[in-house]
Amino acid sequence: MSGINLEQFRSSKKTEPFRSFMQQDIELFGSGLGDKKKERMYNELGILLSSGVDIKTALEMLEQEQSGKKDRLLVQEIREAVISGKSLSAAFRHSGKFSPYEFYSLEIGEETGKIVEVLDQMTTFFGKKVQQKRQVINAFSYPAIVMATAFGAVFFMLNYMVPMFGDVFKRFGGDLPDLTKMIMAFAEIFSANFPYLVIALLILVVVMITQRKQVWFRKLSSSMLLKTWVIGGMVDKIYMGRFCTSMALLMGARVPMIRAIELMEQMIGFYPVEEALASIKGMIMKGRSLHESMQEFPVFGKRMVSLVKVGEEVNQLEAMFSRMSQQYTDEVEYQTGLISSLLEPVMIIFLGLVVGIILVAMYLPLFELSLNFR
């Protein structure tokens, strides 16, 4: 089996039903190995191992398949660690490119003999992240382009067109319409303060880059994000879906509740949820149930708390989290599509109004002059 071609494995797996379940995402900021690459790596490694290829040969084939130099070196490092006697989970941990959730799940798979099932679960998890990320990008890419175009057009008109018309109006003299005066005054203020605006923007970018991992910044940014109209609700659903997906996978791997909460705290990447999980872990250790602990924090909705309660009572937490994960995924998909369809005409109307008002303000004195000459 060691001579099996990797492309044959890929082709044979394309028709399997779980492939359609994989196409979903979320993490907006990644470090090290990207989510898409991780999805592909776990998928191909699972295909090879399920087909009877031994782990060393599978890693060698995976190394040869990598197109990027860094990715190839990473797989080579993992392969050499395995050859030297380390387990696959230990090799992943030693590389420093994978989260505790990943190498701990692999360790469970090795101990229980279900490494292929764990790799399939990891493929599903990162597939969801990739898909949701694509949904968010698709929803906001067009509005972002329109907004950038609008700001570019306004910048050009305020810095070049309005001053040019202002010089012409001064030569003719006379009183200008109120709208024209207002636009010209705004253009003068904008031109005078433009360097300061650029400096302020650069400072903001530097602060965001240097302080993005600090607690105060994460707390402030997440709070502002959740309070943002339209976007806040979608962000909340995205992270709740991520929480449910991860909990379903951990419960399915029979990870103890306390350990599962610890792993979620390390990997969730969203401050309000991380803060809540830190407290929930302490509450569970004191004897409280999961749903009783979760209901103390507004970040977990009443519906989720109620369903978790039912899952605990019937001992079906894995199934309950899996169903909630799919529900949040569907809601995010619907909401991103709705936002995209609504924002496009709104942005076009906004751009037309801004440019139209400036043009009317500039040409209005010319119309009045032409009427006075008649």
Protein backbone atom coordinates (compact mmCIF):
# COMPACT_ATOMS: atom_id res chain seq x y z
CA MET A 1 0.00 0.00 0.00
CA SER A 2 2.96 2.33 0.47
CA GLY A 3 3.10 2.89 -3.27
CA ILE A 4 -0.45 4.23 -3.54
CA ASN A 5 -0.65 7.56 -5.34
CA LEU A 6 -1.89 10.52 -3.31
CA GLU A 7 -3.94 11.85 -6.24
CA GLN A 8 -5.87 8.57 -6.34
CA PHE A 9 -6.79 8.99 -2.71
CA ARG A 10 -7.95 12.55 -3.36
CA SER A 11 -10.12 11.54 -6.27
CA SER A 12 -11.69 8.64 -4.38
CA LYS A 13 -12.65 10.89 -1.47
CA LYS A 14 -14.21 13.70 -3.48
CA THR A 15 -17.52 11.90 -3.74
CA GLU A 16 -17.83 11.10 -0.03
CA PRO A 17 -20.65 12.92 1.77
CA PHE A 18 -18.55 14.44 4.54
CA ARG A 19 -16.80 16.64 1.96
CA SER A 20 -19.90 18.81 1.66
CA PHE A 21 -20.00 19.13 5.45
CA MET A 22 -16.45 20.40 5.57
CA GLN A 23 -16.93 23.60 3.57
CA GLN A 24 -17.38 26.16 6.36
CA ASP A 25 -14.94 28.59 8.46
CA ILE A 26 -14.39 31.47 10.91
CA GLU A 27 -11.07 32.55 12.22
CA LEU A 28 -10.30 36.01 10.96
CA PHE A 29 -6.76 36.16 12.22
CA GLY A 30 -4.44 33.19 11.92
CA SER A 31 -0.86 32.49 12.94
CA GLY A 32 1.60 30.04 11.48
CA LEU A 33 -0.09 27.42 9.31
CA GLY A 34 -3.34 28.65 7.73
CA ASP A 35 -6.72 27.02 8.29
CA LYS A 36 -7.04 25.92 4.66
CA LYS A 37 -3.63 24.25 4.74
CA LYS A 38 -4.50 22.52 7.99
CA GLU A 39 -7.76 21.27 6.51
CA ARG A 40 -5.90 19.87 3.50
CA MET A 41 -3.18 18.33 5.65
CA TYR A 42 -5.58 16.54 8.00
CA ASN A 43 -7.73 15.43 5.08
CA GLU A 44 -4.86 13.94 3.09
CA LEU A 45 -3.27 12.36 6.15
CA GLY A 46 -6.60 10.77 7.09
CA ILE A 47 -7.06 9.45 3.52
CA LEU A 48 -3.62 7.86 3.52
CA LEU A 49 -3.92 6.26 6.96
CA SER A 50 -7.43 4.95 6.27
CA SER A 51 -6.09 3.33 3.10
CA GLY A 52 -3.51 1.31 5.01
CA VAL A 53 -0.43 3.48 4.50
CA ASP A 54 1.84 3.57 7.56
CA ILE A 55 2.39 6.91 9.28
CA LYS A 56 6.00 7.40 8.15
CA THR A 57 5.19 6.74 4.49
CA ALA A 58 2.08 8.93 4.74
CA LEU A 59 4.14 11.84 6.07
CA GLU A 60 6.73 11.32 3.36
CA MET A 61 4.05 11.45 0.66
CA LEU A 62 2.51 14.49 2.35
CA GLU A 63 5.91 16.21 2.37
CA GLN A 64 6.40 15.61 -1.35
CA GLU A 65 2.96 17.00 -2.09
CA GLN A 66 3.63 20.37 -0.41
CA SER A 67 4.26 23.23 -2.85
CA GLY A 68 5.53 25.84 -0.38
CA LYS A 69 9.02 25.61 1.09
CA LYS A 70 7.90 26.41 4.66
CA ASP A 71 5.08 23.87 4.51
CA ARG A 72 7.43 21.21 3.17
CA LEU A 73 9.95 21.92 5.95
CA LEU A 74 7.18 21.72 8.55
CA VAL A 75 6.03 18.28 7.35
CA GLN A 76 9.67 17.20 7.12
CA GLU A 77 10.21 18.24 10.73
CA ILE A 78 7.15 16.25 11.81
CA ARG A 79 8.24 13.21 9.79
CA GLU A 80 11.77 13.28 11.26
CA ALA A 81 10.35 13.58 14.78
CA VAL A 82 8.15 10.52 14.17
CA ILE A 83 11.10 8.55 12.73
CA SER A 84 13.16 9.43 15.83
CA GLY A 85 10.55 7.74 18.01
CA LYS A 86 8.07 10.47 18.90
CA SER A 87 4.34 10.00 18.54
CA LEU A 88 2.45 12.00 15.91
CA SER A 89 0.81 14.16 18.57
CA ALA A 90 4.19 14.87 20.20
CA ALA A 91 5.67 15.78 16.81
CA PHE A 92 2.81 18.20 16.18
CA ARG A 93 3.25 19.72 19.64
CA HIS A 94 7.02 20.10 19.16
CA SER A 95 6.59 21.97 15.84
CA GLY A 96 4.85 24.88 17.60
CA LYS A 97 2.48 25.42 14.65
CA PHE A 98 -0.55 23.68 16.10
CA SER A 99 -2.95 24.49 18.93
CA PRO A 100 -3.35 22.40 22.11
CA TYR A 101 -6.74 21.33 20.77
CA GLU A 102 -5.08 19.75 17.75
CA PHE A 103 -2.24 17.79 19.32
CA TYR A 104 -4.36 16.81 22.32
CA SER A 105 -7.04 15.43 19.99
CA LEU A 106 -4.36 13.52 18.06
CA GLU A 107 -3.05 12.11 21.34
CA ILE A 108 -6.55 10.87 22.21
CA GLY A 109 -6.80 9.28 18.77
CA GLU A 110 -3.50 7.49 19.27
CA GLU A 111 -4.48 6.22 22.72
CA THR A 112 -7.90 4.96 21.58
CA GLY A 113 -6.80 3.67 18.18
CA LYS A 114 -9.15 6.11 16.41
CA ILE A 115 -6.58 8.39 14.79
CA VAL A 116 -8.37 8.32 11.43
CA GLU A 117 -11.67 9.39 13.03
CA VAL A 118 -9.86 12.22 14.84
CA LEU A 119 -8.24 13.37 11.60
CA ASP A 120 -11.67 13.40 9.94
CA GLN A 121 -13.00 15.49 12.84
CA MET A 122 -10.11 17.94 12.46
CA THR A 123 -10.79 18.18 8.73
CA THR A 124 -14.43 18.96 9.49
CA PHE A 125 -13.50 21.59 12.06
CA PHE A 126 -11.08 23.51 9.85
CA GLY A 127 -13.35 23.07 6.87
CA LYS A 128 -16.07 24.89 8.79
CA LYS A 129 -13.66 27.69 9.66
CA VAL A 130 -12.60 28.16 6.06
CA GLN A 131 -16.19 28.20 4.78
CA GLN A 132 -17.41 30.79 7.31
CA LYS A 133 -14.40 32.97 6.57
CA ARG A 134 -15.29 32.89 2.89
CA GLN A 135 -18.89 33.79 3.69
CA VAL A 136 -17.82 36.84 5.69
CA ILE A 137 -15.37 37.98 2.99
CA ASN A 138 -18.01 37.56 0.28
CA ALA A 139 -20.54 39.56 2.32
CA PHE A 140 -18.28 42.56 2.92
CA SER A 141 -15.90 42.63 -0.06
CA TYR A 142 -18.26 44.48 -2.41
CA PRO A 143 -19.35 47.10 0.19
CA ALA A 144 -15.69 47.63 1.10
CA ILE A 145 -14.79 48.28 -2.54
CA VAL A 146 -17.70 50.70 -2.93
CA MET A 147 -16.74 52.54 0.27
CA ALA A 148 -13.11 52.80 -0.86
CA THR A 149 -14.30 54.17 -4.21
CA ALA A 150 -16.58 56.65 -2.47
CA PHE A 151 -13.81 57.94 -0.21
CA GLY A 152 -11.46 58.21 -3.19
CA ALA A 153 -14.00 60.17 -5.19
CA VAL A 154 -14.80 62.49 -2.27
CA PHE A 155 -11.09 63.01 -1.56
CA PHE A 156 -10.43 63.98 -5.18
CA MET A 157 -13.40 66.33 -5.33
CA LEU A 158 -12.67 68.05 -2.00
CA ASN A 159 -8.96 68.50 -2.71
CA TYR A 160 -9.01 69.38 -6.41
CA MET A 161 -12.42 70.09 -7.86
CA VAL A 162 -13.94 72.18 -5.03
CA PRO A 163 -10.88 74.50 -4.67
CA MET A 164 -10.83 75.00 -8.45
CA PHE A 165 -14.49 76.02 -8.46
CA GLY A 166 -13.84 78.19 -5.38
CA ASP A 167 -11.25 80.26 -7.25
CA VAL A 168 -13.69 80.76 -10.13
CA PHE A 169 -16.46 81.89 -7.77
CA LYS A 170 -14.15 84.41 -6.05
CA ARG A 171 -13.42 86.07 -9.40
CA PHE A 172 -17.10 86.52 -10.15
CA GLY A 173 -17.84 87.79 -6.64
CA GLY A 174 -21.37 87.94 -5.31
CA ASP A 175 -23.07 85.84 -2.69
CA LEU A 176 -22.88 82.04 -3.03
CA PRO A 177 -25.67 79.58 -2.18
CA ASP A 178 -25.60 78.16 1.36
CA LEU A 179 -24.97 74.63 0.12
CA THR A 180 -21.94 75.79 -1.88
CA LYS A 181 -20.56 77.71 1.10
CA MET A 182 -20.95 74.67 3.34
CA ILE A 183 -19.15 72.34 0.90
CA MET A 184 -16.32 74.83 0.35
CA ALA A 185 -15.87 75.35 4.08
CA PHE A 186 -15.77 71.60 4.63
CA ALA A 187 -13.21 71.23 1.81
CA GLU A 188 -10.95 73.84 3.42
CA ILE A 189 -11.17 72.12 6.81
CA PHE A 190 -10.53 68.75 5.22
CA SER A 191 -7.48 69.98 3.28
CA ALA A 192 -6.01 71.71 6.32
CA ASN A 193 -6.42 68.67 8.59
CA PHE A 194 -5.71 65.90 6.10
CA PRO A 195 -2.09 65.33 7.29
CA TYR A 196 -3.33 65.00 10.86
CA LEU A 197 -5.96 62.50 9.75
CA VAL A 198 -3.28 60.39 8.07
CA ILE A 199 -1.08 60.53 11.19
CA ALA A 200 -4.03 59.56 13.41
CA LEU A 201 -4.84 56.64 11.10
CA LEU A 202 -1.23 55.42 11.18
CA ILE A 203 -1.16 55.65 14.99
CA LEU A 204 -4.41 53.66 15.15
CA VAL A 205 -2.97 50.96 12.89
CA VAL A 206 0.24 50.75 14.96
CA VAL A 207 -1.77 50.46 18.20
CA MET A 208 -3.94 47.73 16.70
CA ILE A 209 -0.90 45.74 15.54
CA THR A 210 1.17 46.12 18.72
CA GLN A 211 -1.65 45.83 21.26
CA ARG A 212 -3.95 43.31 19.60
CA LYS A 213 -2.95 40.55 22.06
CA GLN A 214 -3.24 42.71 25.17
CA VAL A 215 -6.23 42.05 27.44
CA TRP A 216 -7.45 45.67 27.51
CA PHE A 217 -7.43 45.93 23.71
CA ARG A 218 -9.10 42.57 23.17
CA LYS A 219 -11.77 43.42 25.72
CA LEU A 220 -12.43 46.85 24.21
CA SER A 221 -12.39 45.72 20.57
CA SER A 222 -14.65 42.71 21.17
CA SER A 223 -17.12 44.84 23.14
CA MET A 224 -17.26 47.44 20.37
CA LEU A 225 -17.58 44.73 17.72
CA LEU A 226 -20.53 43.06 19.47
CA LYS A 227 -22.30 46.42 19.80
CA THR A 228 -21.88 47.25 16.11
CA TRP A 229 -25.16 47.26 14.20
CA VAL A 230 -25.69 44.16 12.04
CA ILE A 231 -22.07 43.00 12.35
CA GLY A 232 -22.27 42.37 16.10
CA GLY A 233 -25.02 39.77 15.80
CA MET A 234 -23.23 37.93 13.03
CA VAL A 235 -19.91 37.87 14.95
CA ASP A 236 -21.72 36.46 17.99
CA LYS A 237 -23.25 33.65 15.89
CA ILE A 238 -19.90 32.89 14.29
CA TYR A 239 -18.13 32.37 17.60
CA MET A 240 -21.05 30.50 19.12
CA GLY A 241 -20.96 28.18 16.11
CA ARG A 242 -17.24 27.72 16.59
CA PHE A 243 -17.77 26.97 20.28
CA CYS A 244 -20.46 24.37 19.54
CA THR A 245 -18.41 22.73 16.78
CA SER A 246 -15.35 22.39 19.00
CA MET A 247 -17.36 21.12 21.98
CA ALA A 248 -19.08 18.53 19.78
CA LEU A 249 -15.71 17.24 18.55
CA LEU A 250 -14.23 17.18 22.07
CA MET A 251 -17.27 15.44 23.54
CA GLY A 252 -17.16 12.93 20.70
CA ALA A 253 -13.50 12.22 21.53
CA ARG A 254 -14.55 11.56 25.16
CA VAL A 255 -12.46 14.43 26.50
CA PRO A 256 -13.27 15.18 30.16
CA MET A 257 -15.40 18.28 30.63
CA ILE A 258 -12.78 20.27 32.56
CA ARG A 259 -10.12 19.49 29.97
CA ALA A 260 -12.50 20.36 27.14
CA ILE A 261 -13.22 23.76 28.72
CA GLU A 262 -9.47 24.38 29.16
CA LEU A 263 -8.82 23.58 25.50
CA MET A 264 -11.71 25.79 24.38
CA GLU A 265 -10.34 28.65 26.48
CA GLN A 266 -6.99 28.38 24.68
CA MET A 267 -8.33 28.08 21.15
CA ILE A 268 -11.57 30.09 20.88
CA GLY A 269 -9.78 33.40 20.12
CA PHE A 270 -12.59 35.69 21.33
CA TYR A 271 -12.19 37.51 24.65
CA PRO A 272 -15.80 37.45 25.98
CA VAL A 273 -16.00 33.67 25.46
CA GLU A 274 -12.50 33.09 26.86
CA GLU A 275 -13.35 35.11 29.98
CA ALA A 276 -16.60 33.21 30.45
CA LEU A 277 -14.91 29.81 30.00
CA ALA A 278 -12.27 30.65 32.62
CA SER A 279 -15.05 31.23 35.17
CA ILE A 280 -17.14 28.27 33.97
CA LYS A 281 -14.20 25.93 34.56
CA GLY A 282 -14.03 27.00 38.20
CA MET A 283 -17.79 26.63 38.63
CA ILE A 284 -17.78 23.09 37.21
CA MET A 285 -14.92 22.13 39.52
CA LYS A 286 -17.09 23.26 42.43
CA GLY A 287 -19.87 20.93 41.36
CA ARG A 288 -22.11 23.06 39.17
CA SER A 289 -23.41 21.72 35.88
CA LEU A 290 -22.36 23.13 32.51
CA HIS A 291 -25.70 24.80 31.76
CA GLU A 292 -25.89 26.37 35.23
CA SER A 293 -22.44 27.84 34.72
CA MET A 294 -23.16 29.05 31.18
CA GLN A 295 -26.34 30.89 32.15
CA GLU A 296 -24.28 33.29 34.28
CA PHE A 297 -22.80 34.85 31.13
CA PRO A 298 -24.84 36.81 28.56
CA VAL A 299 -22.50 35.76 25.74
CA PHE A 300 -24.25 32.37 25.79
CA GLY A 301 -27.84 32.84 24.66
CA LYS A 302 -30.84 31.43 26.51
CA ARG A 303 -31.54 29.00 23.68
CA MET A 304 -28.05 27.51 23.91
CA VAL A 305 -28.26 27.20 27.70
CA SER A 306 -31.64 25.44 27.44
CA LEU A 307 -30.38 22.97 24.83
CA VAL A 308 -27.23 22.27 26.84
CA LYS A 309 -29.45 21.57 29.86
CA VAL A 310 -31.45 19.05 27.83
CA GLY A 311 -28.24 17.48 26.51
CA GLU A 312 -26.91 17.02 30.05
CA GLU A 313 -30.18 15.50 31.27
CA VAL A 314 -30.30 12.88 28.48
CA ASN A 315 -26.49 12.46 28.32
CA GLN A 316 -26.36 13.61 24.68
CA LEU A 317 -24.13 16.69 24.84
CA GLU A 318 -22.18 15.72 21.72
CA ALA A 319 -25.34 15.42 19.60
CA MET A 320 -26.79 18.62 21.05
CA PHE A 321 -23.64 20.67 20.36
CA SER A 322 -23.45 19.19 16.87
CA ARG A 323 -27.03 20.26 16.10
CA MET A 324 -26.45 23.75 17.48
CA SER A 325 -23.27 24.02 15.42
CA GLN A 326 -25.22 23.28 12.24
CA GLN A 327 -27.95 25.76 13.24
CA TYR A 328 -25.43 28.56 13.80
CA THR A 329 -23.70 27.70 10.53
CA ASP A 330 -27.00 27.97 8.66
CA GLU A 331 -27.84 31.26 10.39
CA VAL A 332 -24.44 32.75 9.56
CA GLU A 333 -24.79 31.68 5.93
CA TYR A 334 -28.26 33.24 5.70
CA GLN A 335 -27.22 36.45 7.48
CA THR A 336 -24.08 36.98 5.38
CA GLY A 337 -26.13 36.53 2.21
CA LEU A 338 -28.74 38.98 3.49
CA ILE A 339 -26.13 41.56 4.48
CA SER A 340 -24.45 41.26 1.10
CA SER A 341 -27.71 41.74 -0.81
CA LEU A 342 -28.75 44.72 1.34
CA LEU A 343 -25.42 46.53 1.55
CA GLU A 344 -24.76 46.60 -2.17
CA PRO A 345 -27.67 48.92 -3.12
CA VAL A 346 -27.18 50.97 0.07
CA MET A 347 -23.53 51.61 -0.79
CA ILE A 348 -24.38 52.56 -4.37
CA ILE A 349 -27.05 55.00 -3.18
CA PHE A 350 -24.65 56.44 -0.61
CA LEU A 351 -21.94 56.98 -3.22
CA GLY A 352 -24.42 58.58 -5.61
CA LEU A 353 -25.78 60.95 -2.94
CA VAL A 354 -22.35 62.12 -1.76
CA VAL A 355 -20.99 62.74 -5.24
CA GLY A 356 -24.31 64.24 -6.38
CA ILE A 357 -24.49 66.72 -3.48
CA ILE A 358 -20.94 67.94 -4.15
CA LEU A 359 -21.61 68.35 -7.87
CA VAL A 360 -24.88 70.20 -7.26
CA ALA A 361 -23.14 72.50 -4.77
CA MET A 362 -20.45 73.33 -7.32
CA TYR A 363 -22.71 73.88 -10.31
CA LEU A 364 -25.49 75.71 -8.47
CA PRO A 365 -23.67 79.11 -8.56
CA LEU A 366 -23.05 78.65 -12.29
CA PHE A 367 -26.76 78.14 -12.87
CA GLU A 368 -27.53 81.29 -10.87
CA LEU A 369 -24.94 83.26 -12.84
CA SER A 370 -26.41 82.11 -16.13
CA LEU A 371 -29.87 83.20 -14.98
CA ASN A 372 -28.56 86.63 -13.91
CA PHE A 373 -26.99 87.21 -17.34
CA ARG A 374 -30.31 86.62 -19.13
